Amino acid sequence: MSSPFKVFGSNALRTVLLDCLPAFDRDNAVITTVDFAATNHMLEVVRSVGIADVIIGTASAIDTLIGEGKILQGTRTDLATAGIGACVRAGAPRPDISTVNALKRTLLNAKSLSYSKAGQSGIHMAKVIAQLGLADVVNPKAVINASGLVAERVARGEVELGFQQVSELLAVKGIDVIGELPADMQLHSLFAAGIGAGTQQPDAARALIKALRTPRAVAVMREAGLTPA
């Protein structure tokens, strides 16, 4: 009989995690459930619920949870880095974001846009908008996603432009990724995994983290817009 196995996962690693779970469940006689969330929301959930076998988030969040005793010391494993990009609905015109000036024009011209409230990408985008001096113009037409995949709003036609980690954008059908933020505006976030302090299945937890570093997982990461660590 298979045992339940719980993962709190970052949306940035959604594609690679879902790809490896069928074989992992079969090989380890478990049934995995995954709660995907942005980093800050994941921190809140782990702190309030606390029980997970494996936790995946930004490296800084994993370190924070190790310090708080929510993740076992010595289990942090770096997985991949992700940069921030933008998307439009599939087939829509593709505005230019390749330079700082082009990004500024695109933000000014967009009728609507969205980014995540609780994720690293959304926190960074709010800073970028402010840094460009566009907060008063852009923020009134921005739809702030509480958590989850911003590109889903774009695919449904709710907003014209979406910003999030490229791997999260590519996890959604019905959108076109138009590129990454210019280097001067970019943020590359490192994502890592750790074993929950309350796990009753440490061997399976280690096996899942190992599965996320196999050649197949690395290939899926690259296809998903991630850079393996």
C-alpha atoms as a PDB file:
ATOM      1  CA  MET A   1       0.000   0.000   0.000  1.00  0.00           C
ATOM      2  CA  SER A   2       1.377   3.399  -0.986  1.00  0.00           C
ATOM      3  CA  SER A   3       2.067   6.029   1.663  1.00  0.00           C
ATOM      4  CA  PRO A   4       1.155   9.723   1.367  1.00  0.00           C
ATOM      5  CA  PHE A   5       4.074  12.032   0.628  1.00  0.00           C
ATOM      6  CA  LYS A   6       3.821  15.823   0.832  1.00  0.00           C
ATOM      7  CA  VAL A   7       5.739  18.482  -1.089  1.00  0.00           C
ATOM      8  CA  PHE A   8       5.558  22.261  -0.869  1.00  0.00           C
ATOM      9  CA  GLY A   9       6.886  23.415  -4.240  1.00  0.00           C
ATOM     10  CA  SER A  10       7.804  26.660  -5.920  1.00  0.00           C
ATOM     11  CA  ASN A  11       5.927  27.400  -9.129  1.00  0.00           C
ATOM     12  CA  ALA A  12       9.323  27.939 -10.773  1.00  0.00           C
ATOM     13  CA  LEU A  13      10.080  24.197 -10.548  1.00  0.00           C
ATOM     14  CA  ARG A  14       6.545  23.053 -11.389  1.00  0.00           C
ATOM     15  CA  THR A  15       7.372  21.521 -14.777  1.00  0.00           C
ATOM     16  CA  VAL A  16      10.371  19.470 -13.669  1.00  0.00           C
ATOM     17  CA  LEU A  17       8.696  18.337 -10.451  1.00  0.00           C
ATOM     18  CA  LEU A  18       5.556  17.127 -12.209  1.00  0.00           C
ATOM     19  CA  ASP A  19       7.697  15.354 -14.800  1.00  0.00           C
ATOM     20  CA  CYS A  20       9.622  13.299 -12.246  1.00  0.00           C
ATOM     21  CA  LEU A  21       6.781  12.452  -9.832  1.00  0.00           C
ATOM     22  CA  PRO A  22       5.191   9.460 -11.641  1.00  0.00           C
ATOM     23  CA  ALA A  23       8.445   7.469 -11.611  1.00  0.00           C
ATOM     24  CA  PHE A  24       9.323   8.688  -8.116  1.00  0.00           C
ATOM     25  CA  ASP A  25       5.951   7.584  -6.718  1.00  0.00           C
ATOM     26  CA  ARG A  26       6.218   4.188  -8.370  1.00  0.00           C
ATOM     27  CA  ASP A  27       9.801   3.558  -7.259  1.00  0.00           C
ATOM     28  CA  ASN A  28       9.210   4.673  -3.667  1.00  0.00           C
ATOM     29  CA  ALA A  29       5.673   3.326  -3.113  1.00  0.00           C
ATOM     30  CA  VAL A  30       4.263   6.760  -2.249  1.00  0.00           C
ATOM     31  CA  ILE A  31       1.480   9.004  -3.472  1.00  0.00           C
ATOM     32  CA  THR A  32       2.785  12.554  -3.687  1.00  0.00           C
ATOM     33  CA  THR A  33       0.645  15.634  -3.334  1.00  0.00           C
ATOM     34  CA  VAL A  34       2.163  19.011  -4.155  1.00  0.00           C
ATOM     35  CA  ASP A  35       1.097  22.466  -3.057  1.00  0.00           C
ATOM     36  CA  PHE A  36       2.587  24.967  -5.505  1.00  0.00           C
ATOM     37  CA  ALA A  37       2.957  28.553  -4.369  1.00  0.00           C
ATOM     38  CA  ALA A  38       5.086  31.674  -4.604  1.00  0.00           C
ATOM     39  CA  THR A  39       7.958  31.864  -2.154  1.00  0.00           C
ATOM     40  CA  ASN A  40       6.480  34.213   0.428  1.00  0.00           C
ATOM     41  CA  HIS A  41       3.164  32.365   0.427  1.00  0.00           C
ATOM     42  CA  MET A  42       5.029  29.078   0.799  1.00  0.00           C
ATOM     43  CA  LEU A  43       6.878  30.476   3.815  1.00  0.00           C
ATOM     44  CA  GLU A  44       3.570  31.374   5.446  1.00  0.00           C
ATOM     45  CA  VAL A  45       2.133  27.905   4.793  1.00  0.00           C
ATOM     46  CA  VAL A  46       5.190  26.069   6.104  1.00  0.00           C
ATOM     47  CA  ARG A  47       5.257  28.218   9.231  1.00  0.00           C
ATOM     48  CA  SER A  48       1.566  27.646   9.936  1.00  0.00           C
ATOM     49  CA  VAL A  49       1.164  24.010   8.826  1.00  0.00           C
ATOM     50  CA  GLY A  50       4.761  22.898   9.114  1.00  0.00           C
ATOM     51  CA  ILE A  51       4.387  19.347   7.835  1.00  0.00           C
ATOM     52  CA  ALA A  52       6.012  18.531   4.511  1.00  0.00           C
ATOM     53  CA  ASP A  53       8.463  15.885   3.413  1.00  0.00           C
ATOM     54  CA  VAL A  54      10.230  18.104   0.874  1.00  0.00           C
ATOM     55  CA  ILE A  55      10.135  21.874   0.530  1.00  0.00           C
ATOM     56  CA  ILE A  56      11.266  23.687  -2.619  1.00  0.00           C
ATOM     57  CA  GLY A  57      11.721  27.448  -2.776  1.00  0.00           C
ATOM     58  CA  THR A  58      14.302  30.147  -3.217  1.00  0.00           C
ATOM     59  CA  ALA A  59      17.626  29.311  -1.598  1.00  0.00           C
ATOM     60  CA  SER A  60      17.192  32.209   0.815  1.00  0.00           C
ATOM     61  CA  ALA A  61      13.771  30.892   1.875  1.00  0.00           C
ATOM     62  CA  ILE A  62      15.194  27.408   2.406  1.00  0.00           C
ATOM     63  CA  ASP A  63      17.977  28.896   4.553  1.00  0.00           C
ATOM     64  CA  THR A  64      15.385  30.843   6.553  1.00  0.00           C
ATOM     65  CA  LEU A  65      13.363  27.685   7.220  1.00  0.00           C
ATOM     66  CA  ILE A  66      16.503  25.794   8.229  1.00  0.00           C
ATOM     67  CA  GLY A  67      17.204  28.545  10.731  1.00  0.00           C
ATOM     68  CA  GLU A  68      13.643  28.266  12.057  1.00  0.00           C
ATOM     69  CA  GLY A  69      13.904  24.498  12.445  1.00  0.00           C
ATOM     70  CA  LYS A  70      11.341  23.738   9.718  1.00  0.00           C
ATOM     71  CA  ILE A  71      13.911  22.096   7.417  1.00  0.00           C
ATOM     72  CA  LEU A  72      16.616  19.664   8.498  1.00  0.00           C
ATOM     73  CA  GLN A  73      20.118  21.055   8.762  1.00  0.00           C
ATOM     74  CA  GLY A  74      22.454  19.947   5.981  1.00  0.00           C
ATOM     75  CA  THR A  75      19.700  19.039   3.498  1.00  0.00           C
ATOM     76  CA  ARG A  76      19.645  22.171   1.334  1.00  0.00           C
ATOM     77  CA  THR A  77      20.279  21.152  -2.263  1.00  0.00           C
ATOM     78  CA  ASP A  78      20.551  23.813  -4.960  1.00  0.00           C
ATOM     79  CA  LEU A  79      18.550  22.954  -8.081  1.00  0.00           C
ATOM     80  CA  ALA A  80      18.343  25.759 -10.644  1.00  0.00           C
ATOM     81  CA  THR A  81      18.266  29.483 -11.300  1.00  0.00           C
ATOM     82  CA  ALA A  82      15.466  31.338 -13.047  1.00  0.00           C
ATOM     83  CA  GLY A  83      15.299  34.746 -14.686  1.00  0.00           C
ATOM     84  CA  ILE A  84      12.259  36.986 -15.104  1.00  0.00           C
ATOM     85  CA  GLY A  85      10.529  37.329 -18.449  1.00  0.00           C
ATOM     86  CA  ALA A  86       7.316  38.612 -19.969  1.00  0.00           C
ATOM     87  CA  CYS A  87       4.531  37.030 -21.970  1.00  0.00           C
ATOM     88  CA  VAL A  88       1.551  37.960 -24.121  1.00  0.00           C
ATOM     89  CA  ARG A  89      -1.441  35.925 -25.229  1.00  0.00           C
ATOM     90  CA  ALA A  90      -0.554  33.465 -27.997  1.00  0.00           C
ATOM     91  CA  GLY A  91      -0.554  35.207 -31.373  1.00  0.00           C
ATOM     92  CA  ALA A  92      -0.710  38.722 -29.937  1.00  0.00           C
ATOM     93  CA  PRO A  93       1.814  41.387 -31.000  1.00  0.00           C
ATOM     94  CA  ARG A  94       5.123  41.007 -29.176  1.00  0.00           C
ATOM     95  CA  PRO A  95       6.359  44.236 -27.628  1.00  0.00           C
ATOM     96  CA  ASP A  96      10.081  44.799 -27.115  1.00  0.00           C
ATOM     97  CA  ILE A  97      11.596  44.467 -23.624  1.00  0.00           C
ATOM     98  CA  SER A  98      15.189  43.829 -24.708  1.00  0.00           C
ATOM     99  CA  THR A  99      16.599  47.129 -23.420  1.00  0.00           C
ATOM    100  CA  VAL A 100      15.749  49.384 -20.503  1.00  0.00           C
ATOM    101  CA  ASN A 101      14.253  52.004 -22.812  1.00  0.00           C
ATOM    102  CA  ALA A 102      12.250  49.368 -24.701  1.00  0.00           C
ATOM    103  CA  LEU A 103      10.938  47.923 -21.431  1.00  0.00           C
ATOM    104  CA  LYS A 104       9.923  51.396 -20.289  1.00  0.00           C
ATOM    105  CA  ARG A 105       8.022  52.049 -23.530  1.00  0.00           C
ATOM    106  CA  THR A 106       6.306  48.667 -23.322  1.00  0.00           C
ATOM    107  CA  LEU A 107       5.203  49.268 -19.728  1.00  0.00           C
ATOM    108  CA  LEU A 108       3.870  52.702 -20.668  1.00  0.00           C
ATOM    109  CA  ASN A 109       2.019  51.418 -23.742  1.00  0.00           C
ATOM    110  CA  ALA A 110       0.494  48.296 -22.178  1.00  0.00           C
ATOM    111  CA  LYS A 111      -3.222  48.608 -21.469  1.00  0.00           C
ATOM    112  CA  SER A 112      -2.906  46.146 -18.572  1.00  0.00           C
ATOM    113  CA  LEU A 113      -0.316  43.905 -16.974  1.00  0.00           C
ATOM    114  CA  SER A 114       0.109  41.482 -14.113  1.00  0.00           C
ATOM    115  CA  TYR A 115       2.807  40.199 -11.789  1.00  0.00           C
ATOM    116  CA  SER A 116       2.822  38.144  -8.615  1.00  0.00           C
ATOM    117  CA  LYS A 117       2.442  39.721  -5.183  1.00  0.00           C
ATOM    118  CA  ALA A 118       4.165  37.025  -3.142  1.00  0.00           C
ATOM    119  CA  GLY A 119       6.869  35.778  -5.499  1.00  0.00           C
ATOM    120  CA  GLN A 120      10.437  36.944  -5.996  1.00  0.00           C
ATOM    121  CA  SER A 121       9.606  38.006  -9.558  1.00  0.00           C
ATOM    122  CA  GLY A 122       6.675  40.161  -8.486  1.00  0.00           C
ATOM    123  CA  ILE A 123       8.555  41.825  -5.651  1.00  0.00           C
ATOM    124  CA  HIS A 124      11.333  42.590  -8.106  1.00  0.00           C
ATOM    125  CA  MET A 125       8.945  43.895 -10.788  1.00  0.00           C
ATOM    126  CA  ALA A 126       7.442  46.348  -8.314  1.00  0.00           C
ATOM    127  CA  LYS A 127      10.974  47.643  -7.673  1.00  0.00           C
ATOM    128  CA  VAL A 128      11.712  47.839 -11.419  1.00  0.00           C
ATOM    129  CA  ILE A 129       8.564  49.851 -12.077  1.00  0.00           C
ATOM    130  CA  ALA A 130       9.466  52.241  -9.274  1.00  0.00           C
ATOM    131  CA  GLN A 131      13.095  52.451 -10.413  1.00  0.00           C
ATOM    132  CA  LEU A 132      11.954  53.430 -13.898  1.00  0.00           C
ATOM    133  CA  GLY A 133       9.819  56.197 -12.396  1.00  0.00           C
ATOM    134  CA  LEU A 134       6.618  54.621 -13.731  1.00  0.00           C
ATOM    135  CA  ALA A 135       4.772  53.679 -10.544  1.00  0.00           C
ATOM    136  CA  ASP A 136       2.116  56.391 -10.839  1.00  0.00           C
ATOM    137  CA  VAL A 137       1.346  55.420 -14.434  1.00  0.00           C
ATOM    138  CA  VAL A 138       1.784  51.637 -14.392  1.00  0.00           C
ATOM    139  CA  ASN A 139       0.439  50.589 -10.995  1.00  0.00           C
ATOM    140  CA  PRO A 140      -3.170  51.702 -11.665  1.00  0.00           C
ATOM    141  CA  LYS A 141      -3.357  49.333 -14.650  1.00  0.00           C
ATOM    142  CA  ALA A 142      -1.569  46.433 -12.926  1.00  0.00           C
ATOM    143  CA  VAL A 143      -3.448  43.361 -11.719  1.00  0.00           C
ATOM    144  CA  ILE A 144      -1.482  41.928  -8.812  1.00  0.00           C
ATOM    145  CA  ASN A 145      -1.675  38.142  -8.629  1.00  0.00           C
ATOM    146  CA  ALA A 146      -1.926  36.973  -5.014  1.00  0.00           C
ATOM    147  CA  SER A 147      -0.134  33.725  -5.911  1.00  0.00           C
ATOM    148  CA  GLY A 148      -0.008  31.205  -8.721  1.00  0.00           C
ATOM    149  CA  LEU A 149       0.798  31.567 -12.411  1.00  0.00           C
ATOM    150  CA  VAL A 150       0.493  35.054 -13.870  1.00  0.00           C
ATOM    151  CA  ALA A 151       0.462  33.685 -17.421  1.00  0.00           C
ATOM    152  CA  GLU A 152      -2.942  32.097 -16.777  1.00  0.00           C
ATOM    153  CA  ARG A 153      -4.431  35.605 -16.620  1.00  0.00           C
ATOM    154  CA  VAL A 154      -2.716  36.447 -19.888  1.00  0.00           C
ATOM    155  CA  ALA A 155      -3.935  33.255 -21.576  1.00  0.00           C
ATOM    156  CA  ARG A 156      -7.514  34.043 -20.516  1.00  0.00           C
ATOM    157  CA  GLY A 157      -7.246  37.546 -21.960  1.00  0.00           C
ATOM    158  CA  GLU A 158      -7.655  39.255 -18.586  1.00  0.00           C
ATOM    159  CA  VAL A 159      -4.436  41.237 -19.009  1.00  0.00           C
ATOM    160  CA  GLU A 160      -2.257  42.121 -21.958  1.00  0.00           C
ATOM    161  CA  LEU A 161       1.168  41.512 -20.451  1.00  0.00           C
ATOM    162  CA  GLY A 162       2.471  39.189 -17.706  1.00  0.00           C
ATOM    163  CA  PHE A 163       5.771  39.169 -15.821  1.00  0.00           C
ATOM    164  CA  GLN A 164       7.128  36.191 -13.895  1.00  0.00           C
ATOM    165  CA  GLN A 165      10.014  33.737 -13.917  1.00  0.00           C
ATOM    166  CA  VAL A 166      10.357  32.332 -17.431  1.00  0.00           C
ATOM    167  CA  SER A 167       9.880  28.764 -16.178  1.00  0.00           C
ATOM    168  CA  GLU A 168       6.534  29.761 -14.677  1.00  0.00           C
ATOM    169  CA  LEU A 169       5.435  31.461 -17.890  1.00  0.00           C
ATOM    170  CA  LEU A 170       6.347  28.406 -19.967  1.00  0.00           C
ATOM    171  CA  ALA A 171       4.248  26.185 -17.696  1.00  0.00           C
ATOM    172  CA  VAL A 172       1.091  27.760 -19.171  1.00  0.00           C
ATOM    173  CA  LYS A 173      -0.372  27.033 -22.594  1.00  0.00           C
ATOM    174  CA  GLY A 174      -1.877  29.779 -24.702  1.00  0.00           C
ATOM    175  CA  ILE A 175       0.849  32.389 -24.212  1.00  0.00           C
ATOM    176  CA  ASP A 176       3.993  33.504 -26.023  1.00  0.00           C
ATOM    177  CA  VAL A 177       7.099  34.422 -24.056  1.00  0.00           C
ATOM    178  CA  ILE A 178       8.465  37.660 -25.565  1.00  0.00           C
ATOM    179  CA  GLY A 179      11.825  37.587 -23.792  1.00  0.00           C
ATOM    180  CA  GLU A 180      13.631  38.222 -20.537  1.00  0.00           C
ATOM    181  CA  LEU A 181      14.153  41.513 -18.752  1.00  0.00           C
ATOM    182  CA  PRO A 182      17.248  43.421 -19.877  1.00  0.00           C
ATOM    183  CA  ALA A 183      20.401  42.635 -17.912  1.00  0.00           C
ATOM    184  CA  ASP A 184      20.324  45.913 -15.966  1.00  0.00           C
ATOM    185  CA  MET A 185      16.801  45.112 -14.743  1.00  0.00           C
ATOM    186  CA  GLN A 186      17.115  41.339 -14.366  1.00  0.00           C
ATOM    187  CA  LEU A 187      16.991  39.208 -11.227  1.00  0.00           C
ATOM    188  CA  HIS A 188      18.155  35.592 -11.327  1.00  0.00           C
ATOM    189  CA  SER A 189      16.797  33.622  -8.367  1.00  0.00           C
ATOM    190  CA  LEU A 190      18.405  30.436  -7.090  1.00  0.00           C
ATOM    191  CA  PHE A 191      15.958  27.693  -6.134  1.00  0.00           C
ATOM    192  CA  ALA A 192      16.750  24.859  -3.752  1.00  0.00           C
ATOM    193  CA  ALA A 193      15.146  21.921  -1.964  1.00  0.00           C
ATOM    194  CA  GLY A 194      15.273  20.807   1.640  1.00  0.00           C
ATOM    195  CA  ILE A 195      13.857  17.968   3.725  1.00  0.00           C
ATOM    196  CA  GLY A 196      11.097  18.912   6.125  1.00  0.00           C
ATOM    197  CA  ALA A 197      12.012  18.546   9.791  1.00  0.00           C
ATOM    198  CA  GLY A 198       8.839  16.580  10.469  1.00  0.00           C
ATOM    199  CA  THR A 199       9.187  14.030   7.681  1.00  0.00           C
ATOM    200  CA  GLN A 200       8.512  10.400   8.502  1.00  0.00           C
ATOM    201  CA  GLN A 201      10.000   9.319   5.166  1.00  0.00           C
ATOM    202  CA  PRO A 202      13.535  10.725   4.989  1.00  0.00           C
ATOM    203  CA  ASP A 203      14.714   8.095   2.498  1.00  0.00           C
ATOM    204  CA  ALA A 204      11.966   8.995   0.051  1.00  0.00           C
ATOM    205  CA  ALA A 205      12.664  12.691   0.605  1.00  0.00           C
ATOM    206  CA  ARG A 206      16.310  12.192  -0.291  1.00  0.00           C
ATOM    207  CA  ALA A 207      15.260  10.116  -3.306  1.00  0.00           C
ATOM    208  CA  LEU A 208      13.031  12.916  -4.619  1.00  0.00           C
ATOM    209  CA  ILE A 209      15.776  15.514  -4.301  1.00  0.00           C
ATOM    210  CA  LYS A 210      18.148  13.130  -6.084  1.00  0.00           C
ATOM    211  CA  ALA A 211      15.555  12.685  -8.849  1.00  0.00           C
ATOM    212  CA  LEU A 212      15.485  16.440  -9.351  1.00  0.00           C
ATOM    213  CA  ARG A 213      19.204  16.367 -10.236  1.00  0.00           C
ATOM    214  CA  THR A 214      19.236  13.507 -12.757  1.00  0.00           C
ATOM    215  CA  PRO A 215      20.176  14.099 -16.421  1.00  0.00           C
ATOM    216  CA  ARG A 216      16.496  13.845 -17.366  1.00  0.00           C
ATOM    217  CA  ALA A 217      15.531  16.451 -14.771  1.00  0.00           C
ATOM    218  CA  VAL A 218      18.325  18.728 -15.963  1.00  0.00           C
ATOM    219  CA  ALA A 219      17.070  18.415 -19.538  1.00  0.00           C
ATOM    220  CA  VAL A 220      13.522  19.278 -18.463  1.00  0.00           C
ATOM    221  CA  MET A 221      14.844  22.264 -16.516  1.00  0.00           C
ATOM    222  CA  ARG A 222      16.580  23.622 -19.604  1.00  0.00           C
ATOM    223  CA  GLU A 223      13.456  23.164 -21.731  1.00  0.00           C
ATOM    224  CA  ALA A 224      11.485  24.990 -19.029  1.00  0.00           C
ATOM    225  CA  GLY A 225      13.735  28.037 -19.125  1.00  0.00           C
ATOM    226  CA  LEU A 226      15.758  27.178 -16.024  1.00  0.00           C
ATOM    227  CA  THR A 227      19.526  27.019 -15.612  1.00  0.00           C
ATOM    228  CA  PRO A 228      20.475  23.906 -13.609  1.00  0.00           C
ATOM    229  CA  ALA A 229      22.650  24.655 -10.581  1.00  0.00           C
END
